[in-house]
């Protein structure tokens, strides 16, 4: 590799590194400690070389199965977001007043992102909706911001709570599972979005979270859904961590 090509490659790597934001160590309400990690600011997009790229201007990578999303993240040097990491982000933003319509924690509704069916496909990160109710930016307790922590697209999630070694759901949701208990309000209330109940058995499915552009009130950072791991739809993408 000549010096010029090496400089270009280094610049690209630096640019991608800047597309990740830190999530502080988080203790979930059930006592689960989620170590600090970095999460992509935007949904994953697909580069010309078939690798994951993360930026504000490219459309998110959709029509990709769960297993292919896991592989795409790993071959690009990242990891698919896990269930406890997704819960850590949701729990964190739910405790920041700026993410609530009333300006204080628990007042009004938690932001739900792009969810009111005002578009008909997933949007890149630089898209600004006309509807103020669809604000896409969520603020963490450390001041970092994440686009689409809810809305725009569902994201595939590696289930490290109910899941097997492949990250697929392998047992019913327990009553004390953090997947069920972390949200501060009931399903479909105060911007929580829809979530399943304890005892539901989706074994063999893969978790999805967040809701999409047309989910309406079902969208939210605490959405708990599932789909067959081979599903390749335009409403599901994936988010990387490192």
C-alpha atoms as a PDB file:
ATOM      1  CA  UNK A   1       0.000   0.000   0.000  1.00  0.00           C
ATOM      2  CA  UNK A   2       1.439   3.368  -0.959  1.00  0.00           C
ATOM      3  CA  UNK A   3       1.471   6.329   1.410  1.00  0.00           C
ATOM      4  CA  UNK A   4      -1.424   8.117  -0.303  1.00  0.00           C
ATOM      5  CA  UNK A   5      -3.708   5.068  -0.155  1.00  0.00           C
ATOM      6  CA  UNK A   6      -2.763   4.507   3.458  1.00  0.00           C
ATOM      7  CA  UNK A   7      -3.662   8.108   4.313  1.00  0.00           C
ATOM      8  CA  UNK A   8      -7.045   7.726   2.617  1.00  0.00           C
ATOM      9  CA  UNK A   9      -7.743   4.482   4.465  1.00  0.00           C
ATOM     10  CA  UNK A  10      -6.746   6.050   7.778  1.00  0.00           C
ATOM     11  CA  UNK A  11      -9.007   9.055   7.126  1.00  0.00           C
ATOM     12  CA  UNK A  12     -11.951   6.749   6.395  1.00  0.00           C
ATOM     13  CA  UNK A  13     -11.305   4.778   9.592  1.00  0.00           C
ATOM     14  CA  UNK A  14     -11.143   7.989  11.614  1.00  0.00           C
ATOM     15  CA  UNK A  15     -14.391   9.195  10.078  1.00  0.00           C
ATOM     16  CA  UNK A  16     -16.139   5.948  11.012  1.00  0.00           C
ATOM     17  CA  UNK A  17     -14.717   6.120  14.541  1.00  0.00           C
ATOM     18  CA  UNK A  18     -16.340   9.541  14.952  1.00  0.00           C
ATOM     19  CA  UNK A  19     -19.702   7.988  14.116  1.00  0.00           C
ATOM     20  CA  UNK A  20     -19.785   6.187  17.485  1.00  0.00           C
ATOM     21  CA  UNK A  21     -20.817   7.754  20.780  1.00  0.00           C
ATOM     22  CA  UNK A  22     -20.079   6.518  24.324  1.00  0.00           C
ATOM     23  CA  UNK A  23     -22.800   5.001  26.467  1.00  0.00           C
ATOM     24  CA  UNK A  24     -21.829   5.082  30.163  1.00  0.00           C
ATOM     25  CA  UNK A  25     -21.958   2.061  32.436  1.00  0.00           C
ATOM     26  CA  UNK A  26     -25.597   1.529  33.284  1.00  0.00           C
ATOM     27  CA  UNK A  27     -27.346  -0.304  36.113  1.00  0.00           C
ATOM     28  CA  UNK A  28     -30.784  -1.449  35.010  1.00  0.00           C
ATOM     29  CA  UNK A  29     -33.675  -1.413  37.532  1.00  0.00           C
ATOM     30  CA  UNK A  30     -33.280  -5.161  38.183  1.00  0.00           C
ATOM     31  CA  UNK A  31     -29.618  -4.680  39.130  1.00  0.00           C
ATOM     32  CA  UNK A  32     -28.112  -5.836  35.834  1.00  0.00           C
ATOM     33  CA  UNK A  33     -24.903  -3.892  35.184  1.00  0.00           C
ATOM     34  CA  UNK A  34     -24.230  -3.079  31.537  1.00  0.00           C
ATOM     35  CA  UNK A  35     -20.596  -2.159  30.940  1.00  0.00           C
ATOM     36  CA  UNK A  36     -19.818   1.079  29.106  1.00  0.00           C
ATOM     37  CA  UNK A  37     -19.720   0.698  25.332  1.00  0.00           C
ATOM     38  CA  UNK A  38     -19.821   2.698  22.119  1.00  0.00           C
ATOM     39  CA  UNK A  39     -22.861   2.722  19.848  1.00  0.00           C
ATOM     40  CA  UNK A  40     -23.243   3.910  16.287  1.00  0.00           C
ATOM     41  CA  UNK A  41     -24.879   7.309  16.061  1.00  0.00           C
ATOM     42  CA  UNK A  42     -26.907   6.163  13.034  1.00  0.00           C
ATOM     43  CA  UNK A  43     -28.303   2.954  11.620  1.00  0.00           C
ATOM     44  CA  UNK A  44     -25.871   0.902   9.553  1.00  0.00           C
ATOM     45  CA  UNK A  45     -25.671   1.611   5.821  1.00  0.00           C
ATOM     46  CA  UNK A  46     -24.131  -0.553   3.113  1.00  0.00           C
ATOM     47  CA  UNK A  47     -20.972   0.653   1.390  1.00  0.00           C
ATOM     48  CA  UNK A  48     -20.019  -0.046  -2.209  1.00  0.00           C
ATOM     49  CA  UNK A  49     -17.760  -2.845  -0.989  1.00  0.00           C
ATOM     50  CA  UNK A  50     -20.572  -4.539   0.933  1.00  0.00           C
ATOM     51  CA  UNK A  51     -19.151  -3.431   4.297  1.00  0.00           C
ATOM     52  CA  UNK A  52     -20.980  -1.466   6.968  1.00  0.00           C
ATOM     53  CA  UNK A  53     -20.625   2.299   6.782  1.00  0.00           C
ATOM     54  CA  UNK A  54     -22.097   4.708   9.281  1.00  0.00           C
ATOM     55  CA  UNK A  55     -22.937   8.251   8.259  1.00  0.00           C
ATOM     56  CA  UNK A  56     -25.763  10.752   8.081  1.00  0.00           C
ATOM     57  CA  UNK A  57     -26.311  10.785   4.323  1.00  0.00           C
ATOM     58  CA  UNK A  58     -26.700   7.151   3.210  1.00  0.00           C
ATOM     59  CA  UNK A  59     -29.983   5.281   3.437  1.00  0.00           C
ATOM     60  CA  UNK A  60     -30.021   2.584   6.124  1.00  0.00           C
ATOM     61  CA  UNK A  61     -29.267  -1.006   5.154  1.00  0.00           C
ATOM     62  CA  UNK A  62     -32.609  -2.825   5.086  1.00  0.00           C
ATOM     63  CA  UNK A  63     -33.943  -6.073   3.599  1.00  0.00           C
ATOM     64  CA  UNK A  64     -31.304  -7.955   5.544  1.00  0.00           C
ATOM     65  CA  UNK A  65     -31.936 -11.010   7.728  1.00  0.00           C
ATOM     66  CA  UNK A  66     -30.916 -11.254  11.363  1.00  0.00           C
ATOM     67  CA  UNK A  67     -28.068 -13.687  10.648  1.00  0.00           C
ATOM     68  CA  UNK A  68     -26.786 -11.545   7.784  1.00  0.00           C
ATOM     69  CA  UNK A  69     -26.917  -8.454  10.006  1.00  0.00           C
ATOM     70  CA  UNK A  70     -24.811 -10.226  12.645  1.00  0.00           C
ATOM     71  CA  UNK A  71     -22.319 -11.266   9.960  1.00  0.00           C
ATOM     72  CA  UNK A  72     -22.227  -7.828   8.308  1.00  0.00           C
ATOM     73  CA  UNK A  73     -21.480  -6.152  11.624  1.00  0.00           C
ATOM     74  CA  UNK A  74     -18.735  -8.619  12.537  1.00  0.00           C
ATOM     75  CA  UNK A  75     -16.989  -8.661   9.159  1.00  0.00           C
ATOM     76  CA  UNK A  76     -16.872  -4.860   9.342  1.00  0.00           C
ATOM     77  CA  UNK A  77     -15.178  -4.966  12.742  1.00  0.00           C
ATOM     78  CA  UNK A  78     -18.258  -4.212  14.852  1.00  0.00           C
ATOM     79  CA  UNK A  79     -20.942  -6.110  16.785  1.00  0.00           C
ATOM     80  CA  UNK A  80     -24.713  -6.163  16.513  1.00  0.00           C
ATOM     81  CA  UNK A  81     -26.295  -4.336  19.454  1.00  0.00           C
ATOM     82  CA  UNK A  82     -27.262  -6.698  22.286  1.00  0.00           C
ATOM     83  CA  UNK A  83     -30.452  -6.733  24.308  1.00  0.00           C
ATOM     84  CA  UNK A  84     -28.821  -5.391  27.465  1.00  0.00           C
ATOM     85  CA  UNK A  85     -27.108  -2.630  25.468  1.00  0.00           C
ATOM     86  CA  UNK A  86     -30.413  -1.640  23.860  1.00  0.00           C
ATOM     87  CA  UNK A  87     -31.998  -1.582  27.317  1.00  0.00           C
ATOM     88  CA  UNK A  88     -29.128   0.509  28.693  1.00  0.00           C
ATOM     89  CA  UNK A  89     -29.678   3.121  25.984  1.00  0.00           C
ATOM     90  CA  UNK A  90     -33.452   3.185  26.510  1.00  0.00           C
ATOM     91  CA  UNK A  91     -33.082   3.395  30.299  1.00  0.00           C
ATOM     92  CA  UNK A  92     -30.521   6.175  29.982  1.00  0.00           C
ATOM     93  CA  UNK A  93     -32.547   8.355  27.630  1.00  0.00           C
ATOM     94  CA  UNK A  94     -35.709   7.810  29.705  1.00  0.00           C
ATOM     95  CA  UNK A  95     -33.871   9.487  32.584  1.00  0.00           C
ATOM     96  CA  UNK A  96     -32.975  12.619  30.610  1.00  0.00           C
ATOM     97  CA  UNK A  97     -35.592  15.379  30.665  1.00  0.00           C
ATOM     98  CA  UNK A  98     -34.741  16.615  27.165  1.00  0.00           C
ATOM     99  CA  UNK A  99     -36.168  13.399  25.721  1.00  0.00           C
ATOM    100  CA  UNK A 100     -39.630  14.026  27.198  1.00  0.00           C
ATOM    101  CA  UNK A 101     -42.270  16.197  25.586  1.00  0.00           C
ATOM    102  CA  UNK A 102     -42.842  17.964  28.906  1.00  0.00           C
ATOM    103  CA  UNK A 103     -39.150  18.792  29.371  1.00  0.00           C
ATOM    104  CA  UNK A 104     -38.758  16.731  32.549  1.00  0.00           C
ATOM    105  CA  UNK A 105     -38.449  13.022  33.223  1.00  0.00           C
ATOM    106  CA  UNK A 106     -41.853  11.368  33.227  1.00  0.00           C
ATOM    107  CA  UNK A 107     -43.671  14.514  32.110  1.00  0.00           C
ATOM    108  CA  UNK A 108     -45.591  14.093  28.868  1.00  0.00           C
ATOM    109  CA  UNK A 109     -44.310  11.341  26.584  1.00  0.00           C
ATOM    110  CA  UNK A 110     -40.890   9.980  25.755  1.00  0.00           C
ATOM    111  CA  UNK A 111     -39.834  10.796  22.181  1.00  0.00           C
ATOM    112  CA  UNK A 112     -40.832   8.154  19.642  1.00  0.00           C
ATOM    113  CA  UNK A 113     -38.875   9.361  16.624  1.00  0.00           C
ATOM    114  CA  UNK A 114     -40.055   9.034  13.033  1.00  0.00           C
ATOM    115  CA  UNK A 115     -43.243   7.019  13.535  1.00  0.00           C
ATOM    116  CA  UNK A 116     -46.318   8.889  12.271  1.00  0.00           C
ATOM    117  CA  UNK A 117     -46.398   7.438   8.730  1.00  0.00           C
ATOM    118  CA  UNK A 118     -45.284  10.748   7.202  1.00  0.00           C
ATOM    119  CA  UNK A 119     -42.768   8.880   4.998  1.00  0.00           C
ATOM    120  CA  UNK A 120     -42.989   5.486   3.337  1.00  0.00           C
ATOM    121  CA  UNK A 121     -39.432   4.221   3.676  1.00  0.00           C
ATOM    122  CA  UNK A 122     -36.454   4.414   6.010  1.00  0.00           C
ATOM    123  CA  UNK A 123     -34.683   7.766   5.945  1.00  0.00           C
ATOM    124  CA  UNK A 124     -30.969   8.656   6.179  1.00  0.00           C
ATOM    125  CA  UNK A 125     -29.767  10.385   9.307  1.00  0.00           C
ATOM    126  CA  UNK A 126     -29.799  13.864   7.818  1.00  0.00           C
ATOM    127  CA  UNK A 127     -33.529  13.767   7.019  1.00  0.00           C
ATOM    128  CA  UNK A 128     -35.449  16.327   9.078  1.00  0.00           C
ATOM    129  CA  UNK A 129     -39.183  15.574   9.504  1.00  0.00           C
ATOM    130  CA  UNK A 130     -41.720  18.387   9.250  1.00  0.00           C
ATOM    131  CA  UNK A 131     -43.611  17.076  12.272  1.00  0.00           C
ATOM    132  CA  UNK A 132     -41.995  18.255  15.523  1.00  0.00           C
ATOM    133  CA  UNK A 133     -43.534  15.198  17.190  1.00  0.00           C
ATOM    134  CA  UNK A 134     -41.092  13.082  15.155  1.00  0.00           C
ATOM    135  CA  UNK A 135     -37.848  14.528  16.504  1.00  0.00           C
ATOM    136  CA  UNK A 136     -35.270  11.812  15.768  1.00  0.00           C
ATOM    137  CA  UNK A 137     -32.509  12.821  18.180  1.00  0.00           C
ATOM    138  CA  UNK A 138     -32.181  11.353  21.670  1.00  0.00           C
ATOM    139  CA  UNK A 139     -29.793  12.718  24.307  1.00  0.00           C
ATOM    140  CA  UNK A 140     -27.838  10.539  26.732  1.00  0.00           C
ATOM    141  CA  UNK A 141     -26.919  11.539  30.273  1.00  0.00           C
ATOM    142  CA  UNK A 142     -23.357  12.329  29.115  1.00  0.00           C
ATOM    143  CA  UNK A 143     -24.608  14.734  26.442  1.00  0.00           C
ATOM    144  CA  UNK A 144     -24.041  12.334  23.527  1.00  0.00           C
ATOM    145  CA  UNK A 145     -26.828  12.086  20.965  1.00  0.00           C
ATOM    146  CA  UNK A 146     -28.188   9.098  19.050  1.00  0.00           C
ATOM    147  CA  UNK A 147     -30.379   9.282  15.967  1.00  0.00           C
ATOM    148  CA  UNK A 148     -33.402   6.945  15.857  1.00  0.00           C
ATOM    149  CA  UNK A 149     -33.199   5.301  19.276  1.00  0.00           C
ATOM    150  CA  UNK A 150     -36.874   4.852  18.424  1.00  0.00           C
ATOM    151  CA  UNK A 151     -38.633   5.117  15.086  1.00  0.00           C
ATOM    152  CA  UNK A 152     -37.525   5.130  11.433  1.00  0.00           C
ATOM    153  CA  UNK A 153     -36.542   1.434  11.535  1.00  0.00           C
ATOM    154  CA  UNK A 154     -36.787  -1.535  13.804  1.00  0.00           C
ATOM    155  CA  UNK A 155     -33.345  -2.843  14.657  1.00  0.00           C
ATOM    156  CA  UNK A 156     -32.286  -6.465  14.953  1.00  0.00           C
ATOM    157  CA  UNK A 157     -31.026  -7.211  18.472  1.00  0.00           C
ATOM    158  CA  UNK A 158     -28.755 -10.017  19.722  1.00  0.00           C
ATOM    159  CA  UNK A 159     -30.686 -11.400  22.701  1.00  0.00           C
ATOM    160  CA  UNK A 160     -28.237 -11.972  25.544  1.00  0.00           C
ATOM    161  CA  UNK A 161     -31.043 -12.279  28.113  1.00  0.00           C
ATOM    162  CA  UNK A 162     -33.457 -14.926  26.786  1.00  0.00           C
ATOM    163  CA  UNK A 163     -31.248 -15.945  23.895  1.00  0.00           C
ATOM    164  CA  UNK A 164     -29.048 -18.851  22.907  1.00  0.00           C
ATOM    165  CA  UNK A 165     -25.472 -18.689  21.606  1.00  0.00           C
ATOM    166  CA  UNK A 166     -26.777 -17.291  18.309  1.00  0.00           C
ATOM    167  CA  UNK A 167     -28.662 -14.520  20.081  1.00  0.00           C
ATOM    168  CA  UNK A 168     -32.065 -15.959  19.169  1.00  0.00           C
ATOM    169  CA  UNK A 169     -34.885 -16.103  21.702  1.00  0.00           C
ATOM    170  CA  UNK A 170     -34.695 -19.498  23.409  1.00  0.00           C
ATOM    171  CA  UNK A 171     -37.214 -19.329  26.267  1.00  0.00           C
ATOM    172  CA  UNK A 172     -40.314 -17.423  27.412  1.00  0.00           C
ATOM    173  CA  UNK A 173     -39.926 -13.931  28.853  1.00  0.00           C
ATOM    174  CA  UNK A 174     -39.621 -14.317  32.614  1.00  0.00           C
ATOM    175  CA  UNK A 175     -41.593 -12.061  34.912  1.00  0.00           C
ATOM    176  CA  UNK A 176     -38.361 -10.515  36.193  1.00  0.00           C
ATOM    177  CA  UNK A 177     -36.605 -10.318  32.810  1.00  0.00           C
ATOM    178  CA  UNK A 178     -35.064  -6.882  32.255  1.00  0.00           C
ATOM    179  CA  UNK A 179     -36.569  -7.066  28.753  1.00  0.00           C
ATOM    180  CA  UNK A 180     -39.965  -6.727  30.477  1.00  0.00           C
ATOM    181  CA  UNK A 181     -39.177  -4.730  33.618  1.00  0.00           C
ATOM    182  CA  UNK A 182     -36.811  -1.942  32.493  1.00  0.00           C
ATOM    183  CA  UNK A 183     -39.447   0.370  30.980  1.00  0.00           C
ATOM    184  CA  UNK A 184     -40.684   2.862  33.597  1.00  0.00           C
ATOM    185  CA  UNK A 185     -44.302   2.840  32.368  1.00  0.00           C
ATOM    186  CA  UNK A 186     -46.719   0.235  30.977  1.00  0.00           C
ATOM    187  CA  UNK A 187     -46.841  -0.777  27.339  1.00  0.00           C
ATOM    188  CA  UNK A 188     -48.364   1.841  25.021  1.00  0.00           C
ATOM    189  CA  UNK A 189     -48.259   4.566  27.690  1.00  0.00           C
ATOM    190  CA  UNK A 190     -46.177   7.764  27.792  1.00  0.00           C
ATOM    191  CA  UNK A 191     -44.192   6.967  24.661  1.00  0.00           C
ATOM    192  CA  UNK A 192     -42.992   3.535  25.802  1.00  0.00           C
ATOM    193  CA  UNK A 193     -44.248   1.825  22.680  1.00  0.00           C
ATOM    194  CA  UNK A 194     -45.566  -1.744  22.602  1.00  0.00           C
ATOM    195  CA  UNK A 195     -43.949  -4.589  24.443  1.00  0.00           C
ATOM    196  CA  UNK A 196     -44.846  -8.189  25.097  1.00  0.00           C
ATOM    197  CA  UNK A 197     -45.848  -9.631  28.452  1.00  0.00           C
ATOM    198  CA  UNK A 198     -44.136 -12.084  30.764  1.00  0.00           C
ATOM    199  CA  UNK A 199     -44.680 -15.686  29.732  1.00  0.00           C
ATOM    200  CA  UNK A 200     -44.756 -15.002  26.003  1.00  0.00           C
ATOM    201  CA  UNK A 201     -42.692 -17.618  24.199  1.00  0.00           C
ATOM    202  CA  UNK A 202     -41.134 -16.485  20.920  1.00  0.00           C
ATOM    203  CA  UNK A 203     -38.456 -19.155  20.879  1.00  0.00           C
ATOM    204  CA  UNK A 204     -36.688 -19.314  17.524  1.00  0.00           C
ATOM    205  CA  UNK A 205     -37.391 -15.665  16.718  1.00  0.00           C
ATOM    206  CA  UNK A 206     -34.966 -12.749  16.803  1.00  0.00           C
ATOM    207  CA  UNK A 207     -35.613  -9.607  18.815  1.00  0.00           C
ATOM    208  CA  UNK A 208     -36.421  -6.308  17.156  1.00  0.00           C
ATOM    209  CA  UNK A 209     -36.730  -2.962  18.902  1.00  0.00           C
ATOM    210  CA  UNK A 210     -37.623   0.663  18.236  1.00  0.00           C
ATOM    211  CA  UNK A 211     -40.501   0.665  15.765  1.00  0.00           C
ATOM    212  CA  UNK A 212     -40.456   2.052  12.228  1.00  0.00           C
ATOM    213  CA  UNK A 213     -41.700   5.105  10.316  1.00  0.00           C
ATOM    214  CA  UNK A 214     -45.272   3.766  10.260  1.00  0.00           C
ATOM    215  CA  UNK A 215     -45.559   2.218  13.734  1.00  0.00           C
ATOM    216  CA  UNK A 216     -47.644   5.017  15.237  1.00  0.00           C
ATOM    217  CA  UNK A 217     -48.085   4.698  18.991  1.00  0.00           C
ATOM    218  CA  UNK A 218     -46.442   1.273  18.951  1.00  0.00           C
ATOM    219  CA  UNK A 219     -43.014   2.874  18.355  1.00  0.00           C
ATOM    220  CA  UNK A 220     -40.704   3.622  21.247  1.00  0.00           C
ATOM    221  CA  UNK A 221     -37.280   3.030  22.737  1.00  0.00           C
ATOM    222  CA  UNK A 222     -38.699   0.238  24.897  1.00  0.00           C
ATOM    223  CA  UNK A 223     -40.481  -1.626  22.089  1.00  0.00           C
ATOM    224  CA  UNK A 224     -40.083  -5.378  22.530  1.00  0.00           C
ATOM    225  CA  UNK A 225     -40.903  -7.308  19.374  1.00  0.00           C
ATOM    226  CA  UNK A 226     -39.658 -10.265  17.411  1.00  0.00           C
ATOM    227  CA  UNK A 227     -39.511 -11.672  13.911  1.00  0.00           C
ATOM    228  CA  UNK A 228     -38.254 -14.777  12.180  1.00  0.00           C
ATOM    229  CA  UNK A 229     -34.482 -14.487  11.766  1.00  0.00           C
ATOM    230  CA  UNK A 230     -34.756 -15.041   8.013  1.00  0.00           C
ATOM    231  CA  UNK A 231     -37.085 -12.072   7.525  1.00  0.00           C
ATOM    232  CA  UNK A 232     -35.799  -9.481   5.050  1.00  0.00           C
ATOM    233  CA  UNK A 233     -38.128  -6.494   5.143  1.00  0.00           C
ATOM    234  CA  UNK A 234     -37.775  -2.793   4.428  1.00  0.00           C
ATOM    235  CA  UNK A 235     -38.819  -1.878   7.961  1.00  0.00           C
ATOM    236  CA  UNK A 236     -35.933  -3.600   9.764  1.00  0.00           C
ATOM    237  CA  UNK A 237     -32.273  -2.580   9.839  1.00  0.00           C
ATOM    238  CA  UNK A 238     -29.471  -2.905  12.359  1.00  0.00           C
ATOM    239  CA  UNK A 239     -27.254  -0.841  14.625  1.00  0.00           C
ATOM    240  CA  UNK A 240     -23.642  -1.601  15.461  1.00  0.00           C
ATOM    241  CA  UNK A 241     -21.634  -1.284  18.653  1.00  0.00           C
ATOM    242  CA  UNK A 242     -17.975  -1.594  19.573  1.00  0.00           C
END
